C-alpha atoms as a PDB file:
ATOM      1  CA  UNK A   1       0.131   0.024   0.040  1.00  0.00           C
ATOM      2  CA  UNK A   2       1.599   3.306  -0.849  1.00  0.00           C
ATOM      3  CA  UNK A   3       1.556   6.340   1.079  1.00  0.00           C
ATOM      4  CA  UNK A   4      -0.955   8.300   0.369  1.00  0.00           C
ATOM      5  CA  UNK A   5      -3.146   5.160   0.410  1.00  0.00           C
ATOM      6  CA  UNK A   6      -2.509   4.327   3.740  1.00  0.00           C
ATOM      7  CA  UNK A   7      -3.054   8.047   4.934  1.00  0.00           C
ATOM      8  CA  UNK A   8      -6.491   8.225   3.204  1.00  0.00           C
ATOM      9  CA  UNK A   9      -7.213   4.774   4.978  1.00  0.00           C
ATOM     10  CA  UNK A  10      -5.872   5.928   8.631  1.00  0.00           C
ATOM     11  CA  UNK A  11      -8.042   9.287   8.214  1.00  0.00           C
ATOM     12  CA  UNK A  12     -11.383   7.407   7.513  1.00  0.00           C
ATOM     13  CA  UNK A  13     -14.112   7.287  10.220  1.00  0.00           C
ATOM     14  CA  UNK A  14     -14.480   3.756  11.374  1.00  0.00           C
ATOM     15  CA  UNK A  15     -18.107   2.605  13.646  1.00  0.00           C
ATOM     16  CA  UNK A  16     -18.478  -0.905  15.083  1.00  0.00           C
ATOM     17  CA  UNK A  17     -22.048  -1.806  15.045  1.00  0.00           C
ATOM     18  CA  UNK A  18     -23.333  -4.483  16.905  1.00  0.00           C
ATOM     19  CA  UNK A  19     -26.972  -5.477  17.397  1.00  0.00           C
ATOM     20  CA  UNK A  20     -28.323  -8.360  18.969  1.00  0.00           C
ATOM     21  CA  UNK A  21     -31.470  -9.794  17.390  1.00  0.00           C
ATOM     22  CA  UNK A  22     -34.666 -10.895  18.793  1.00  0.00           C
ATOM     23  CA  UNK A  23     -34.775 -14.834  18.980  1.00  0.00           C
ATOM     24  CA  UNK A  24     -36.195 -16.434  16.029  1.00  0.00           C
ATOM     25  CA  UNK A  25     -35.439 -13.055  13.791  1.00  0.00           C
ATOM     26  CA  UNK A  26     -32.147 -13.358  12.367  1.00  0.00           C
ATOM     27  CA  UNK A  27     -32.741 -14.585   8.891  1.00  0.00           C
ATOM     28  CA  UNK A  28     -35.561 -12.044   8.169  1.00  0.00           C
ATOM     29  CA  UNK A  29     -33.485  -9.277   9.837  1.00  0.00           C
ATOM     30  CA  UNK A  30     -30.674  -9.992   7.752  1.00  0.00           C
ATOM     31  CA  UNK A  31     -32.571 -10.039   4.342  1.00  0.00           C
ATOM     32  CA  UNK A  32     -33.961  -6.682   5.294  1.00  0.00           C
ATOM     33  CA  UNK A  33     -30.905  -5.281   6.209  1.00  0.00           C
ATOM     34  CA  UNK A  34     -29.134  -6.227   2.865  1.00  0.00           C
ATOM     35  CA  UNK A  35     -32.387  -5.211   0.864  1.00  0.00           C
ATOM     36  CA  UNK A  36     -32.713  -1.870   2.243  1.00  0.00           C
ATOM     37  CA  UNK A  37     -30.245  -0.772   4.762  1.00  0.00           C
ATOM     38  CA  UNK A  38     -26.772  -1.790   2.584  1.00  0.00           C
ATOM     39  CA  UNK A  39     -27.778  -0.257  -1.027  1.00  0.00           C
ATOM     40  CA  UNK A  40     -28.729   2.808   0.786  1.00  0.00           C
ATOM     41  CA  UNK A  41     -25.578   2.959   3.088  1.00  0.00           C
ATOM     42  CA  UNK A  42     -23.688   2.505   0.161  1.00  0.00           C
ATOM     43  CA  UNK A  43     -25.796   5.638  -1.986  1.00  0.00           C
ATOM     44  CA  UNK A  44     -24.919   7.533   0.725  1.00  0.00           C
ATOM     45  CA  UNK A  45     -21.024   7.292   0.747  1.00  0.00           C
ATOM     46  CA  UNK A  46     -20.177   5.059   3.195  1.00  0.00           C
ATOM     47  CA  UNK A  47     -18.719   1.932   3.252  1.00  0.00           C
ATOM     48  CA  UNK A  48     -19.254  -1.792   4.985  1.00  0.00           C
ATOM     49  CA  UNK A  49     -16.621  -3.986   5.841  1.00  0.00           C
ATOM     50  CA  UNK A  50     -18.901  -7.559   7.126  1.00  0.00           C
ATOM     51  CA  UNK A  51     -21.889  -8.052   8.358  1.00  0.00           C
ATOM     52  CA  UNK A  52     -21.099 -11.213  10.064  1.00  0.00           C
ATOM     53  CA  UNK A  53     -23.044 -13.287  12.430  1.00  0.00           C
ATOM     54  CA  UNK A  54     -22.257 -14.346  15.814  1.00  0.00           C
ATOM     55  CA  UNK A  55     -24.999 -17.536  16.402  1.00  0.00           C
ATOM     56  CA  UNK A  56     -24.111 -18.082  20.160  1.00  0.00           C
ATOM     57  CA  UNK A  57     -25.138 -14.476  21.104  1.00  0.00           C
ATOM     58  CA  UNK A  58     -27.547 -13.833  18.130  1.00  0.00           C
ATOM     59  CA  UNK A  59     -25.746 -10.948  17.159  1.00  0.00           C
ATOM     60  CA  UNK A  60     -25.020  -8.952  13.869  1.00  0.00           C
ATOM     61  CA  UNK A  61     -22.114  -7.164  13.536  1.00  0.00           C
ATOM     62  CA  UNK A  62     -20.498  -5.048  10.982  1.00  0.00           C
ATOM     63  CA  UNK A  63     -18.015  -2.077  10.678  1.00  0.00           C
ATOM     64  CA  UNK A  64     -19.530   1.561   8.982  1.00  0.00           C
ATOM     65  CA  UNK A  65     -16.776   3.646   7.124  1.00  0.00           C
ATOM     66  CA  UNK A  66     -17.179   6.874   6.235  1.00  0.00           C
ATOM     67  CA  UNK A  67     -14.148   9.933   4.917  1.00  0.00           C
ATOM     68  CA  UNK A  68     -15.390  13.495   6.444  1.00  0.00           C
ATOM     69  CA  UNK A  69     -17.271  14.020   9.354  1.00  0.00           C
ATOM     70  CA  UNK A  70     -19.275  11.076   9.987  1.00  0.00           C
ATOM     71  CA  UNK A  71     -21.559  12.493  12.805  1.00  0.00           C
ATOM     72  CA  UNK A  72     -22.927  14.880  10.469  1.00  0.00           C
ATOM     73  CA  UNK A  73     -22.709  12.163   7.627  1.00  0.00           C
ATOM     74  CA  UNK A  74     -25.029   9.291   9.640  1.00  0.00           C
ATOM     75  CA  UNK A  75     -27.336  12.051  10.696  1.00  0.00           C
ATOM     76  CA  UNK A  76     -28.095  13.094   6.712  1.00  0.00           C
ATOM     77  CA  UNK A  77     -28.757   9.614   6.210  1.00  0.00           C
ATOM     78  CA  UNK A  78     -31.034   9.176   8.443  1.00  0.00           C
ATOM     79  CA  UNK A  79     -32.881  12.023   7.829  1.00  0.00           C
ATOM     80  CA  UNK A  80     -33.497  11.329   4.437  1.00  0.00           C
ATOM     81  CA  UNK A  81     -36.579  10.335   2.300  1.00  0.00           C
ATOM     82  CA  UNK A  82     -35.266   7.387   1.732  1.00  0.00           C
ATOM     83  CA  UNK A  83     -34.184   5.906   4.811  1.00  0.00           C
ATOM     84  CA  UNK A  84     -37.487   7.066   6.217  1.00  0.00           C
ATOM     85  CA  UNK A  85     -39.467   5.565   3.562  1.00  0.00           C
ATOM     86  CA  UNK A  86     -37.836   2.518   4.629  1.00  0.00           C
ATOM     87  CA  UNK A  87     -41.206   0.186   6.187  1.00  0.00           C
ATOM     88  CA  UNK A  88     -41.269  -1.766   7.848  1.00  0.00           C
ATOM     89  CA  UNK A  89     -37.973  -0.779   9.443  1.00  0.00           C
ATOM     90  CA  UNK A  90     -35.629  -3.590  10.141  1.00  0.00           C
ATOM     91  CA  UNK A  91     -34.973  -2.087  13.530  1.00  0.00           C
ATOM     92  CA  UNK A  92     -38.185  -3.902  14.961  1.00  0.00           C
ATOM     93  CA  UNK A  93     -36.260  -7.275  14.907  1.00  0.00           C
ATOM     94  CA  UNK A  94     -33.296  -5.706  17.845  1.00  0.00           C
ATOM     95  CA  UNK A  95     -33.415  -6.372  21.081  1.00  0.00           C
ATOM     96  CA  UNK A  96     -30.365  -4.304  21.213  1.00  0.00           C
ATOM     97  CA  UNK A  97     -28.365  -1.233  19.118  1.00  0.00           C
ATOM     98  CA  UNK A  98     -25.054  -0.516  19.967  1.00  0.00           C
ATOM     99  CA  UNK A  99     -21.995   1.115  17.940  1.00  0.00           C
ATOM    100  CA  UNK A 100     -18.650   2.381  19.040  1.00  0.00           C
ATOM    101  CA  UNK A 101     -16.172   4.685  16.871  1.00  0.00           C
ATOM    102  CA  UNK A 102     -13.171   2.817  16.471  1.00  0.00           C
ATOM    103  CA  UNK A 103      -9.673   4.261  16.173  1.00  0.00           C
ATOM    104  CA  UNK A 104      -5.688   2.949  15.300  1.00  0.00           C
ATOM    105  CA  UNK A 105      -3.866   2.377  17.933  1.00  0.00           C
ATOM    106  CA  UNK A 106      -1.035   5.130  18.776  1.00  0.00           C
ATOM    107  CA  UNK A 107       2.169   3.951  17.224  1.00  0.00           C
ATOM    108  CA  UNK A 108       5.625   4.353  19.097  1.00  0.00           C
END
């Protein structure tokens, strides 16, 4: 990876998202997420790594990435007419919705 590509990669904002899905609803959630949420996130300028499913804990995990101000882009995504039009909203399948911003460790 060249230096410019590495610097661009380091400047990227990343968020780990972990959802606990209601028992028996994982397949429906994954289908709706893939049909509605993923395409809208990509159209809104985000990149997605994953997703993964943890069967033992009924969790759905993915990483959301964006160049620039993540909070502004995320707010714009949620307030967009396209996102508000998603009905029924896949969030109804979730028991718990957690997310954390990620950072590269400092190198010494």
